[in-house]
Amino acid sequence: MGRTAEIRCLLILLGFNLCLNLVQAAFANVGVKYQVTLNVFSGRENPEWEVDETNSMYQQLSWAVNSERPTDIDERHMGYQGFVVRATNAHGQTAWKTVGRYTSRRIESILLKSCPSSVGLSPQLVNHVNAAILGQLPQTPQPKTVSKAHVTYNNEEDTISVSIRQHFLVRRKRQAQMCATRFAPENWNYASVQRRNNCYNYATNMQTNTFAQPGRASGRRYTQTTPQDVYAASLRDGLTPLSIPDAGRECLIALVIWPGEDYHYLRLDNDGTWSQKSGRTRARNTDDSGFTITDPRMADTGPYTVFAGFLGVGPNANIR
């Protein structure tokens, strides 16, 4: 009986492997379309595009994706973090593969080149991704331009003007009152919450599962990724403008901008340090250099080099 059981088990395993190989062969070669997602933004939705047989990069992409093992998305840095590729074949079967930042120059370059012009990646964004793929991004934190917000309201709409000046800050102790929020990544770093909530959700401590956007709740979203537009949109969502890092009884958050590309929020926690969540990645309490964040104006936030200002999150805040 023991020998019979072994043979039966072996036949089952052989059959499973044969079916698996047949499925993989069919999946790899029959009407496969690839959906490519470029993981690069914190606040905005990441760029996505489809690659089928009409794309000049299809054969190279198909070969590269199927010949290499997956690598992890880089969640330690802002800006470019890698690609997610979803393949769907003619039978409706799907498979996923991640290609992390600076793990395979060849595959990463092929994936980037497969992006149609209709997606509208800016030259600045393409240059940033290319530099990251080649390992040519700056190795030291980039100095921030600090914005000071002067807010003026009228009866019909709130307007905001932001004056920009170069200001290099000396690191100093936290000035703000500590907020009630605590760094609890276990509340954010599981699939259903992590992928549906971005930096805006995390900073305001509101899990809407809508990948919240500044101004959406008020019906007037930001139209440009500038300090003026995103800061004003935050105010329309009921956040409080602040000229200094002290929100009183409200929770304190900070806004930084990747000029022309994206925005990112950080929040102050009850231990006096700051934490953040970039896009669909995990919440963390360190900056891009791996340091604890004691002042968001001094923190390494990668390409987000404009500090747009502080904001308070109180009972009137409503995001969506």
C-alpha atoms as a PDB file:
ATOM      1  CA  MET A   1       0.000   0.000   0.000  1.00  0.00           C
ATOM      2  CA  GLY A   2       2.865   2.358   0.787  1.00  0.00           C
ATOM      3  CA  ARG A   3       4.432   1.884  -2.626  1.00  0.00           C
ATOM      4  CA  THR A   4       1.073   2.371  -4.343  1.00  0.00           C
ATOM      5  CA  ALA A   5       0.494   5.582  -2.423  1.00  0.00           C
ATOM      6  CA  GLU A   6       3.927   6.878  -3.443  1.00  0.00           C
ATOM      7  CA  ILE A   7       3.243   6.117  -7.112  1.00  0.00           C
ATOM      8  CA  ARG A   8      -0.182   7.769  -6.923  1.00  0.00           C
ATOM      9  CA  CYS A   9       1.346  10.854  -5.308  1.00  0.00           C
ATOM     10  CA  LEU A  10       4.074  10.997  -7.962  1.00  0.00           C
ATOM     11  CA  LEU A  11       1.500  10.777 -10.762  1.00  0.00           C
ATOM     12  CA  ILE A  12      -0.514  13.591  -9.194  1.00  0.00           C
ATOM     13  CA  LEU A  13       2.588  15.781  -8.948  1.00  0.00           C
ATOM     14  CA  LEU A  14       3.601  14.997 -12.530  1.00  0.00           C
ATOM     15  CA  GLY A  15       0.106  15.793 -13.720  1.00  0.00           C
ATOM     16  CA  PHE A  16       0.098  19.069 -11.796  1.00  0.00           C
ATOM     17  CA  ASN A  17       3.452  20.101 -13.212  1.00  0.00           C
ATOM     18  CA  LEU A  18       2.363  19.187 -16.738  1.00  0.00           C
ATOM     19  CA  CYS A  19      -0.819  21.241 -16.398  1.00  0.00           C
ATOM     20  CA  LEU A  20       1.154  24.104 -14.890  1.00  0.00           C
ATOM     21  CA  ASN A  21       3.614  24.041 -17.786  1.00  0.00           C
ATOM     22  CA  LEU A  22       0.804  23.906 -20.333  1.00  0.00           C
ATOM     23  CA  VAL A  23      -0.977  26.821 -18.676  1.00  0.00           C
ATOM     24  CA  GLN A  24       2.234  28.845 -18.498  1.00  0.00           C
ATOM     25  CA  ALA A  25       3.016  28.078 -22.137  1.00  0.00           C
ATOM     26  CA  ALA A  26      -0.491  29.102 -23.213  1.00  0.00           C
ATOM     27  CA  PHE A  27      -0.362  32.170 -20.994  1.00  0.00           C
ATOM     28  CA  ALA A  28       2.936  33.310 -22.424  1.00  0.00           C
ATOM     29  CA  ASN A  29       2.052  32.936 -26.082  1.00  0.00           C
ATOM     30  CA  VAL A  30      -1.678  33.264 -26.792  1.00  0.00           C
ATOM     31  CA  GLY A  31      -3.041  36.786 -27.221  1.00  0.00           C
ATOM     32  CA  VAL A  32      -1.279  38.255 -24.220  1.00  0.00           C
ATOM     33  CA  LYS A  33      -1.832  41.906 -23.360  1.00  0.00           C
ATOM     34  CA  TYR A  34       0.187  43.689 -20.711  1.00  0.00           C
ATOM     35  CA  GLN A  35      -1.004  46.467 -18.438  1.00  0.00           C
ATOM     36  CA  VAL A  36       2.011  48.401 -17.207  1.00  0.00           C
ATOM     37  CA  THR A  37       1.858  50.645 -14.144  1.00  0.00           C
ATOM     38  CA  LEU A  38       4.700  53.052 -13.432  1.00  0.00           C
ATOM     39  CA  ASN A  39       5.020  53.432  -9.654  1.00  0.00           C
ATOM     40  CA  VAL A  40       6.192  57.008  -9.336  1.00  0.00           C
ATOM     41  CA  PHE A  41       3.579  59.216  -7.618  1.00  0.00           C
ATOM     42  CA  SER A  42       2.550  59.643  -3.998  1.00  0.00           C
ATOM     43  CA  GLY A  43      -0.649  61.671  -4.299  1.00  0.00           C
ATOM     44  CA  ARG A  44      -1.751  61.291  -7.891  1.00  0.00           C
ATOM     45  CA  GLU A  45      -2.734  58.019  -9.522  1.00  0.00           C
ATOM     46  CA  ASN A  46       0.231  56.320 -11.165  1.00  0.00           C
ATOM     47  CA  PRO A  47       0.487  56.339 -14.989  1.00  0.00           C
ATOM     48  CA  GLU A  48      -0.825  53.162 -16.649  1.00  0.00           C
ATOM     49  CA  TRP A  49      -0.853  51.898 -20.219  1.00  0.00           C
ATOM     50  CA  GLU A  50      -1.588  48.763 -22.211  1.00  0.00           C
ATOM     51  CA  VAL A  51       0.932  46.993 -24.409  1.00  0.00           C
ATOM     52  CA  ASP A  52      -0.397  44.651 -27.093  1.00  0.00           C
ATOM     53  CA  GLU A  53       0.954  43.297 -30.361  1.00  0.00           C
ATOM     54  CA  THR A  54       0.541  46.678 -32.070  1.00  0.00           C
ATOM     55  CA  ASN A  55       3.159  48.200 -29.761  1.00  0.00           C
ATOM     56  CA  SER A  56       6.657  48.191 -31.250  1.00  0.00           C
ATOM     57  CA  MET A  57       8.074  47.130 -27.866  1.00  0.00           C
ATOM     58  CA  TYR A  58       5.703  44.172 -27.471  1.00  0.00           C
ATOM     59  CA  GLN A  59       8.121  41.380 -28.358  1.00  0.00           C
ATOM     60  CA  GLN A  60      10.946  42.790 -26.246  1.00  0.00           C
ATOM     61  CA  LEU A  61       8.630  43.402 -23.313  1.00  0.00           C
ATOM     62  CA  SER A  62       7.075  39.938 -23.530  1.00  0.00           C
ATOM     63  CA  TRP A  63      10.455  38.236 -23.629  1.00  0.00           C
ATOM     64  CA  ALA A  64      11.910  40.355 -20.828  1.00  0.00           C
ATOM     65  CA  VAL A  65       8.947  39.978 -18.469  1.00  0.00           C
ATOM     66  CA  ASN A  66       8.753  36.219 -18.949  1.00  0.00           C
ATOM     67  CA  SER A  67      12.490  35.569 -18.701  1.00  0.00           C
ATOM     68  CA  GLU A  68      13.289  37.359 -15.447  1.00  0.00           C
ATOM     69  CA  ARG A  69      12.235  36.792 -11.849  1.00  0.00           C
ATOM     70  CA  PRO A  70      10.123  39.463 -10.112  1.00  0.00           C
ATOM     71  CA  THR A  71      11.826  42.005  -7.866  1.00  0.00           C
ATOM     72  CA  ASP A  72      10.297  44.091  -5.086  1.00  0.00           C
ATOM     73  CA  ILE A  73       8.968  47.605  -5.590  1.00  0.00           C
ATOM     74  CA  ASP A  74      11.270  50.094  -3.837  1.00  0.00           C
ATOM     75  CA  GLU A  75       9.173  51.488  -0.976  1.00  0.00           C
ATOM     76  CA  ARG A  76      12.076  53.276   0.701  1.00  0.00           C
ATOM     77  CA  HIS A  77      12.208  56.177  -1.751  1.00  0.00           C
ATOM     78  CA  MET A  78       9.918  58.838  -3.152  1.00  0.00           C
ATOM     79  CA  GLY A  79       9.556  59.257  -6.889  1.00  0.00           C
ATOM     80  CA  TYR A  80      10.282  56.305  -9.164  1.00  0.00           C
ATOM     81  CA  GLN A  81       9.893  52.978  -7.347  1.00  0.00           C
ATOM     82  CA  GLY A  82       9.504  50.445 -10.164  1.00  0.00           C
ATOM     83  CA  PHE A  83       6.837  48.869 -12.370  1.00  0.00           C
ATOM     84  CA  VAL A  84       3.892  46.541 -11.894  1.00  0.00           C
ATOM     85  CA  VAL A  85       2.991  44.426 -14.937  1.00  0.00           C
ATOM     86  CA  ARG A  86      -0.313  42.569 -15.249  1.00  0.00           C
ATOM     87  CA  ALA A  87      -0.555  40.077 -18.100  1.00  0.00           C
ATOM     88  CA  THR A  88      -3.880  38.794 -19.436  1.00  0.00           C
ATOM     89  CA  ASN A  89      -4.027  36.075 -22.082  1.00  0.00           C
ATOM     90  CA  ALA A  90      -6.693  35.025 -24.581  1.00  0.00           C
ATOM     91  CA  HIS A  91      -8.174  32.616 -22.032  1.00  0.00           C
ATOM     92  CA  GLY A  92      -8.719  35.383 -19.480  1.00  0.00           C
ATOM     93  CA  GLN A  93      -5.963  34.172 -17.189  1.00  0.00           C
ATOM     94  CA  THR A  94      -3.978  36.887 -15.420  1.00  0.00           C
ATOM     95  CA  ALA A  95      -0.567  37.041 -13.794  1.00  0.00           C
ATOM     96  CA  TRP A  96       1.343  39.804 -12.029  1.00  0.00           C
ATOM     97  CA  LYS A  97       4.992  40.722 -11.893  1.00  0.00           C
ATOM     98  CA  THR A  98       6.792  43.543 -10.090  1.00  0.00           C
ATOM     99  CA  VAL A  99      10.035  45.078 -11.303  1.00  0.00           C
ATOM    100  CA  GLY A 100      11.712  47.151  -8.603  1.00  0.00           C
ATOM    101  CA  ARG A 101      13.720  50.318  -9.045  1.00  0.00           C
ATOM    102  CA  TYR A 102      17.332  49.807 -10.107  1.00  0.00           C
ATOM    103  CA  THR A 103      17.042  45.993 -10.178  1.00  0.00           C
ATOM    104  CA  SER A 104      17.189  45.363 -13.944  1.00  0.00           C
ATOM    105  CA  ARG A 105      18.187  48.232 -16.204  1.00  0.00           C
ATOM    106  CA  ARG A 106      17.247  46.269 -19.308  1.00  0.00           C
ATOM    107  CA  ILE A 107      13.706  45.376 -18.251  1.00  0.00           C
ATOM    108  CA  GLU A 108      13.036  48.755 -16.631  1.00  0.00           C
ATOM    109  CA  SER A 109      14.170  50.569 -19.786  1.00  0.00           C
ATOM    110  CA  ILE A 110      11.997  48.350 -21.998  1.00  0.00           C
ATOM    111  CA  LEU A 111       8.961  48.976 -19.803  1.00  0.00           C
ATOM    112  CA  LEU A 112       9.516  52.733 -19.860  1.00  0.00           C
ATOM    113  CA  LYS A 113       9.993  52.777 -23.646  1.00  0.00           C
ATOM    114  CA  SER A 114       6.749  50.844 -24.097  1.00  0.00           C
ATOM    115  CA  CYS A 115       4.745  53.833 -22.842  1.00  0.00           C
ATOM    116  CA  PRO A 116       2.719  55.406 -25.690  1.00  0.00           C
ATOM    117  CA  SER A 117       3.010  59.152 -26.166  1.00  0.00           C
ATOM    118  CA  SER A 118      -0.741  59.407 -25.546  1.00  0.00           C
ATOM    119  CA  VAL A 119      -0.141  58.709 -21.835  1.00  0.00           C
ATOM    120  CA  GLY A 120       1.537  62.103 -21.628  1.00  0.00           C
ATOM    121  CA  LEU A 121       4.581  61.465 -19.468  1.00  0.00           C
ATOM    122  CA  SER A 122       6.430  64.761 -19.168  1.00  0.00           C
ATOM    123  CA  PRO A 123      10.076  65.018 -20.279  1.00  0.00           C
ATOM    124  CA  GLN A 124      10.970  65.846 -16.667  1.00  0.00           C
ATOM    125  CA  LEU A 125       9.313  62.657 -15.422  1.00  0.00           C
ATOM    126  CA  VAL A 126      10.946  60.496 -18.103  1.00  0.00           C
ATOM    127  CA  ASN A 127      14.352  61.985 -17.264  1.00  0.00           C
ATOM    128  CA  HIS A 128      13.795  61.255 -13.569  1.00  0.00           C
ATOM    129  CA  VAL A 129      12.877  57.611 -14.240  1.00  0.00           C
ATOM    130  CA  ASN A 130      15.785  57.133 -16.641  1.00  0.00           C
ATOM    131  CA  ALA A 131      18.204  58.584 -14.099  1.00  0.00           C
ATOM    132  CA  ALA A 132      16.855  56.246 -11.422  1.00  0.00           C
ATOM    133  CA  ILE A 133      17.149  53.229 -13.723  1.00  0.00           C
ATOM    134  CA  LEU A 134      20.781  54.124 -14.412  1.00  0.00           C
ATOM    135  CA  GLY A 135      21.531  54.838 -10.759  1.00  0.00           C
ATOM    136  CA  GLN A 136      22.221  58.494 -11.491  1.00  0.00           C
ATOM    137  CA  LEU A 137      19.848  60.207  -9.068  1.00  0.00           C
ATOM    138  CA  PRO A 138      21.470  62.517  -6.484  1.00  0.00           C
ATOM    139  CA  GLN A 139      22.844  60.572  -3.535  1.00  0.00           C
ATOM    140  CA  THR A 140      22.374  63.453  -1.100  1.00  0.00           C
ATOM    141  CA  PRO A 141      19.111  65.211  -0.141  1.00  0.00           C
ATOM    142  CA  GLN A 142      18.169  68.073  -2.436  1.00  0.00           C
ATOM    143  CA  PRO A 143      17.729  71.489  -0.777  1.00  0.00           C
ATOM    144  CA  LYS A 144      14.104  72.555  -0.514  1.00  0.00           C
ATOM    145  CA  THR A 145      12.508  75.760  -1.697  1.00  0.00           C
ATOM    146  CA  VAL A 146      10.302  76.897   1.176  1.00  0.00           C
ATOM    147  CA  SER A 147       6.943  78.467   0.362  1.00  0.00           C
ATOM    148  CA  LYS A 148       5.077  80.816   2.643  1.00  0.00           C
ATOM    149  CA  ALA A 149       1.316  80.866   2.092  1.00  0.00           C
ATOM    150  CA  HIS A 150      -0.737  84.071   2.346  1.00  0.00           C
ATOM    151  CA  VAL A 151      -4.430  83.179   2.155  1.00  0.00           C
ATOM    152  CA  THR A 152      -7.167  85.552   0.980  1.00  0.00           C
ATOM    153  CA  TYR A 153     -10.851  84.614   0.699  1.00  0.00           C
ATOM    154  CA  ASN A 154     -13.759  86.209  -1.159  1.00  0.00           C
ATOM    155  CA  ASN A 155     -17.476  85.440  -1.317  1.00  0.00           C
ATOM    156  CA  GLU A 156     -17.312  83.238  -4.406  1.00  0.00           C
ATOM    157  CA  GLU A 157     -14.055  81.349  -4.059  1.00  0.00           C
ATOM    158  CA  ASP A 158     -10.992  81.216  -1.903  1.00  0.00           C
ATOM    159  CA  THR A 159      -7.827  82.440  -3.512  1.00  0.00           C
ATOM    160  CA  ILE A 160      -4.307  81.849  -2.366  1.00  0.00           C
ATOM    161  CA  SER A 161      -0.990  83.374  -3.326  1.00  0.00           C
ATOM    162  CA  VAL A 162       2.289  81.708  -2.442  1.00  0.00           C
ATOM    163  CA  SER A 163       5.592  83.539  -2.392  1.00  0.00           C
ATOM    164  CA  ILE A 164       8.626  81.299  -2.932  1.00  0.00           C
ATOM    165  CA  ARG A 165      12.011  81.974  -1.407  1.00  0.00           C
ATOM    166  CA  GLN A 166      15.151  79.926  -0.909  1.00  0.00           C
ATOM    167  CA  HIS A 167      15.580  79.324   2.787  1.00  0.00           C
ATOM    168  CA  PHE A 168      18.041  76.843   4.238  1.00  0.00           C
ATOM    169  CA  LEU A 169      16.882  75.863   7.697  1.00  0.00           C
ATOM    170  CA  VAL A 170      19.035  74.986  10.663  1.00  0.00           C
ATOM    171  CA  ARG A 171      17.788  71.752  12.225  1.00  0.00           C
ATOM    172  CA  ARG A 172      16.037  72.539  15.474  1.00  0.00           C
ATOM    173  CA  LYS A 173      13.692  70.965  17.979  1.00  0.00           C
ATOM    174  CA  ARG A 174      10.062  70.430  17.110  1.00  0.00           C
ATOM    175  CA  GLN A 175       7.935  73.523  17.730  1.00  0.00           C
ATOM    176  CA  ALA A 176       4.511  71.984  17.279  1.00  0.00           C
ATOM    177  CA  GLN A 177       2.172  70.616  19.877  1.00  0.00           C
ATOM    178  CA  MET A 178       2.082  66.832  19.620  1.00  0.00           C
ATOM    179  CA  CYS A 179      -0.926  65.393  17.821  1.00  0.00           C
ATOM    180  CA  ALA A 180      -3.090  62.504  18.979  1.00  0.00           C
ATOM    181  CA  THR A 181      -2.162  60.347  15.997  1.00  0.00           C
ATOM    182  CA  ARG A 182       0.443  57.679  16.633  1.00  0.00           C
ATOM    183  CA  PHE A 183       2.606  55.816  14.176  1.00  0.00           C
ATOM    184  CA  ALA A 184       0.672  52.560  13.758  1.00  0.00           C
ATOM    185  CA  PRO A 185       1.656  51.063  10.394  1.00  0.00           C
ATOM    186  CA  GLU A 186      -0.341  47.916  11.138  1.00  0.00           C
ATOM    187  CA  ASN A 187      -3.497  49.988  10.539  1.00  0.00           C
ATOM    188  CA  TRP A 188      -2.360  50.925   7.034  1.00  0.00           C
ATOM    189  CA  ASN A 189       0.009  48.286   5.723  1.00  0.00           C
ATOM    190  CA  TYR A 190      -2.400  45.571   4.649  1.00  0.00           C
ATOM    191  CA  ALA A 191      -3.562  45.087   1.080  1.00  0.00           C
ATOM    192  CA  SER A 192      -7.141  46.397   1.030  1.00  0.00           C
ATOM    193  CA  VAL A 193      -6.225  49.621   2.861  1.00  0.00           C
ATOM    194  CA  GLN A 194      -2.704  50.121   1.527  1.00  0.00           C
ATOM    195  CA  ARG A 195      -3.681  50.148  -2.153  1.00  0.00           C
ATOM    196  CA  ARG A 196      -6.777  52.359  -1.741  1.00  0.00           C
ATOM    197  CA  ASN A 197      -5.348  55.131   0.417  1.00  0.00           C
ATOM    198  CA  ASN A 198      -2.541  57.555  -0.390  1.00  0.00           C
ATOM    199  CA  CYS A 199      -0.475  60.191   1.391  1.00  0.00           C
ATOM    200  CA  TYR A 200      -3.493  62.517   1.757  1.00  0.00           C
ATOM    201  CA  ASN A 201      -5.502  59.791   3.472  1.00  0.00           C
ATOM    202  CA  TYR A 202      -2.600  58.908   5.730  1.00  0.00           C
ATOM    203  CA  ALA A 203      -1.667  62.452   6.735  1.00  0.00           C
ATOM    204  CA  THR A 204      -5.266  63.335   7.617  1.00  0.00           C
ATOM    205  CA  ASN A 205      -5.738  59.913   9.264  1.00  0.00           C
ATOM    206  CA  MET A 206      -8.857  59.226   7.190  1.00  0.00           C
ATOM    207  CA  GLN A 207      -9.220  55.879   5.445  1.00  0.00           C
ATOM    208  CA  THR A 208     -11.698  56.713   2.678  1.00  0.00           C
ATOM    209  CA  ASN A 209     -10.536  53.918   0.338  1.00  0.00           C
ATOM    210  CA  THR A 210     -10.870  56.420  -2.524  1.00  0.00           C
ATOM    211  CA  PHE A 211      -7.213  57.387  -3.030  1.00  0.00           C
ATOM    212  CA  ALA A 212      -8.264  60.855  -1.871  1.00  0.00           C
ATOM    213  CA  GLN A 213      -7.454  63.949  -3.915  1.00  0.00           C
ATOM    214  CA  PRO A 214      -7.188  67.535  -2.609  1.00  0.00           C
ATOM    215  CA  GLY A 215     -10.373  69.454  -3.350  1.00  0.00           C
ATOM    216  CA  ARG A 216     -12.434  66.478  -4.522  1.00  0.00           C
ATOM    217  CA  ALA A 217     -14.719  66.568  -1.462  1.00  0.00           C
ATOM    218  CA  SER A 218     -15.464  70.249  -2.087  1.00  0.00           C
ATOM    219  CA  GLY A 219     -16.168  69.680  -5.781  1.00  0.00           C
ATOM    220  CA  ARG A 220     -13.135  71.725  -6.846  1.00  0.00           C
ATOM    221  CA  ARG A 221      -9.977  69.696  -7.247  1.00  0.00           C
ATOM    222  CA  TYR A 222      -6.563  71.208  -7.832  1.00  0.00           C
ATOM    223  CA  THR A 223      -5.833  71.759 -11.529  1.00  0.00           C
ATOM    224  CA  GLN A 224      -2.039  72.040 -11.402  1.00  0.00           C
ATOM    225  CA  THR A 225       0.578  70.467  -9.171  1.00  0.00           C
ATOM    226  CA  THR A 226       1.837  73.774  -7.815  1.00  0.00           C
ATOM    227  CA  PRO A 227       2.059  74.893  -4.168  1.00  0.00           C
ATOM    228  CA  GLN A 228      -0.730  77.401  -4.798  1.00  0.00           C
ATOM    229  CA  ASP A 229      -3.223  74.975  -6.316  1.00  0.00           C
ATOM    230  CA  VAL A 230      -2.714  72.010  -4.013  1.00  0.00           C
ATOM    231  CA  TYR A 231      -2.591  74.120  -0.843  1.00  0.00           C
ATOM    232  CA  ALA A 232      -5.783  75.962  -1.846  1.00  0.00           C
ATOM    233  CA  ALA A 233      -7.528  72.679  -2.658  1.00  0.00           C
ATOM    234  CA  SER A 234      -6.594  71.412   0.812  1.00  0.00           C
ATOM    235  CA  LEU A 235      -8.232  74.471   2.357  1.00  0.00           C
ATOM    236  CA  ARG A 236     -11.413  73.827   0.371  1.00  0.00           C
ATOM    237  CA  ASP A 237     -11.483  70.399   2.010  1.00  0.00           C
ATOM    238  CA  GLY A 238     -11.697  72.117   5.390  1.00  0.00           C
ATOM    239  CA  LEU A 239      -8.049  72.035   6.440  1.00  0.00           C
ATOM    240  CA  THR A 240      -6.637  75.004   8.358  1.00  0.00           C
ATOM    241  CA  PRO A 241      -3.895  77.239   6.892  1.00  0.00           C
ATOM    242  CA  LEU A 242      -0.866  77.652   9.141  1.00  0.00           C
ATOM    243  CA  SER A 243       2.117  79.971   8.866  1.00  0.00           C
ATOM    244  CA  ILE A 244       4.075  78.183  11.597  1.00  0.00           C
ATOM    245  CA  PRO A 245       4.312  74.505  12.580  1.00  0.00           C
ATOM    246  CA  ASP A 246       1.781  74.724  15.397  1.00  0.00           C
ATOM    247  CA  ALA A 247      -1.781  73.505  14.860  1.00  0.00           C
ATOM    248  CA  GLY A 248      -2.985  74.059  18.415  1.00  0.00           C
ATOM    249  CA  ARG A 249      -5.587  71.405  19.177  1.00  0.00           C
ATOM    250  CA  GLU A 250      -5.677  70.200  15.584  1.00  0.00           C
ATOM    251  CA  CYS A 251      -3.356  67.680  13.985  1.00  0.00           C
ATOM    252  CA  LEU A 252      -0.393  69.072  12.085  1.00  0.00           C
ATOM    253  CA  ILE A 253       0.479  67.986   8.548  1.00  0.00           C
ATOM    254  CA  ALA A 254       2.925  69.273   5.939  1.00  0.00           C
ATOM    255  CA  LEU A 255       2.701  69.538   2.158  1.00  0.00           C
ATOM    256  CA  VAL A 256       5.628  69.132  -0.235  1.00  0.00           C
ATOM    257  CA  ILE A 257       5.526  69.401  -4.020  1.00  0.00           C
ATOM    258  CA  TRP A 258       7.345  67.737  -6.888  1.00  0.00           C
ATOM    259  CA  PRO A 259       7.110  70.761  -9.217  1.00  0.00           C
ATOM    260  CA  GLY A 260       4.796  70.086 -12.127  1.00  0.00           C
ATOM    261  CA  GLU A 261       4.398  66.392 -11.266  1.00  0.00           C
ATOM    262  CA  ASP A 262       2.935  65.476  -7.882  1.00  0.00           C
ATOM    263  CA  TYR A 263       2.292  66.360  -4.244  1.00  0.00           C
ATOM    264  CA  HIS A 264       2.945  64.593  -0.942  1.00  0.00           C
ATOM    265  CA  TYR A 265       1.732  65.051   2.638  1.00  0.00           C
ATOM    266  CA  LEU A 266       3.419  64.065   5.902  1.00  0.00           C
ATOM    267  CA  ARG A 267       1.952  64.105   9.411  1.00  0.00           C
ATOM    268  CA  LEU A 268       3.190  64.775  12.940  1.00  0.00           C
ATOM    269  CA  ASP A 269       2.633  61.890  15.370  1.00  0.00           C
ATOM    270  CA  ASN A 270       2.283  61.875  19.144  1.00  0.00           C
ATOM    271  CA  ASP A 271       5.950  61.091  19.733  1.00  0.00           C
ATOM    272  CA  GLY A 272       7.024  64.357  18.113  1.00  0.00           C
ATOM    273  CA  THR A 273       8.291  62.798  14.879  1.00  0.00           C
ATOM    274  CA  TRP A 274       6.747  62.666  11.423  1.00  0.00           C
ATOM    275  CA  SER A 275       5.555  59.758   9.302  1.00  0.00           C
ATOM    276  CA  GLN A 276       4.334  59.313   5.742  1.00  0.00           C
ATOM    277  CA  LYS A 277       2.800  56.971   3.183  1.00  0.00           C
ATOM    278  CA  SER A 278       3.731  57.303  -0.476  1.00  0.00           C
ATOM    279  CA  GLY A 279       0.902  56.325  -2.827  1.00  0.00           C
ATOM    280  CA  ARG A 280       0.017  52.636  -2.581  1.00  0.00           C
ATOM    281  CA  THR A 281       3.139  51.742  -0.599  1.00  0.00           C
ATOM    282  CA  ARG A 282       3.497  51.115   3.122  1.00  0.00           C
ATOM    283  CA  ALA A 283       3.455  53.747   5.845  1.00  0.00           C
ATOM    284  CA  ARG A 284       6.890  54.544   7.269  1.00  0.00           C
ATOM    285  CA  ASN A 285       8.457  56.934   9.763  1.00  0.00           C
ATOM    286  CA  THR A 286      11.732  57.592   7.956  1.00  0.00           C
ATOM    287  CA  ASP A 287      12.750  59.786   5.036  1.00  0.00           C
ATOM    288  CA  ASP A 288      14.499  58.726   1.820  1.00  0.00           C
ATOM    289  CA  SER A 289      17.865  58.751   3.587  1.00  0.00           C
ATOM    290  CA  GLY A 290      16.546  56.407   6.271  1.00  0.00           C
ATOM    291  CA  PHE A 291      16.492  59.044   9.011  1.00  0.00           C
ATOM    292  CA  THR A 292      13.745  59.760  11.525  1.00  0.00           C
ATOM    293  CA  ILE A 293      11.806  62.838  10.378  1.00  0.00           C
ATOM    294  CA  THR A 294      11.963  65.627  12.938  1.00  0.00           C
ATOM    295  CA  ASP A 295      11.307  68.504  10.529  1.00  0.00           C
ATOM    296  CA  PRO A 296       9.648  67.929   7.117  1.00  0.00           C
ATOM    297  CA  ARG A 297      11.358  71.040   5.774  1.00  0.00           C
ATOM    298  CA  MET A 298      14.703  69.340   6.300  1.00  0.00           C
ATOM    299  CA  ALA A 299      13.688  65.772   5.422  1.00  0.00           C
ATOM    300  CA  ASP A 300      14.888  63.949   2.324  1.00  0.00           C
ATOM    301  CA  THR A 301      11.748  63.603   0.202  1.00  0.00           C
ATOM    302  CA  GLY A 302      13.448  62.828  -3.096  1.00  0.00           C
ATOM    303  CA  PRO A 303      12.123  64.885  -6.021  1.00  0.00           C
ATOM    304  CA  TYR A 304       9.547  66.656  -3.817  1.00  0.00           C
ATOM    305  CA  THR A 305      11.769  69.673  -3.383  1.00  0.00           C
ATOM    306  CA  VAL A 306       9.252  72.464  -2.694  1.00  0.00           C
ATOM    307  CA  PHE A 307       7.927  72.795   0.831  1.00  0.00           C
ATOM    308  CA  ALA A 308       4.442  74.274   0.361  1.00  0.00           C
ATOM    309  CA  GLY A 309       3.524  74.807   4.000  1.00  0.00           C
ATOM    310  CA  PHE A 310       1.848  73.461   7.118  1.00  0.00           C
ATOM    311  CA  LEU A 311      -1.849  72.706   7.564  1.00  0.00           C
ATOM    312  CA  GLY A 312      -4.102  71.755  10.450  1.00  0.00           C
ATOM    313  CA  VAL A 313      -6.543  68.848  10.378  1.00  0.00           C
ATOM    314  CA  GLY A 314      -9.552  69.450  12.605  1.00  0.00           C
ATOM    315  CA  PRO A 315     -13.222  68.446  12.827  1.00  0.00           C
ATOM    316  CA  ASN A 316     -14.123  70.409   9.670  1.00  0.00           C
ATOM    317  CA  ALA A 317     -11.730  68.443   7.469  1.00  0.00           C
ATOM    318  CA  ASN A 318     -13.473  66.326   4.844  1.00  0.00           C
ATOM    319  CA  ILE A 319     -11.575  64.474   2.141  1.00  0.00           C
ATOM    320  CA  ARG A 320     -12.631  62.096  -0.603  1.00  0.00           C
END
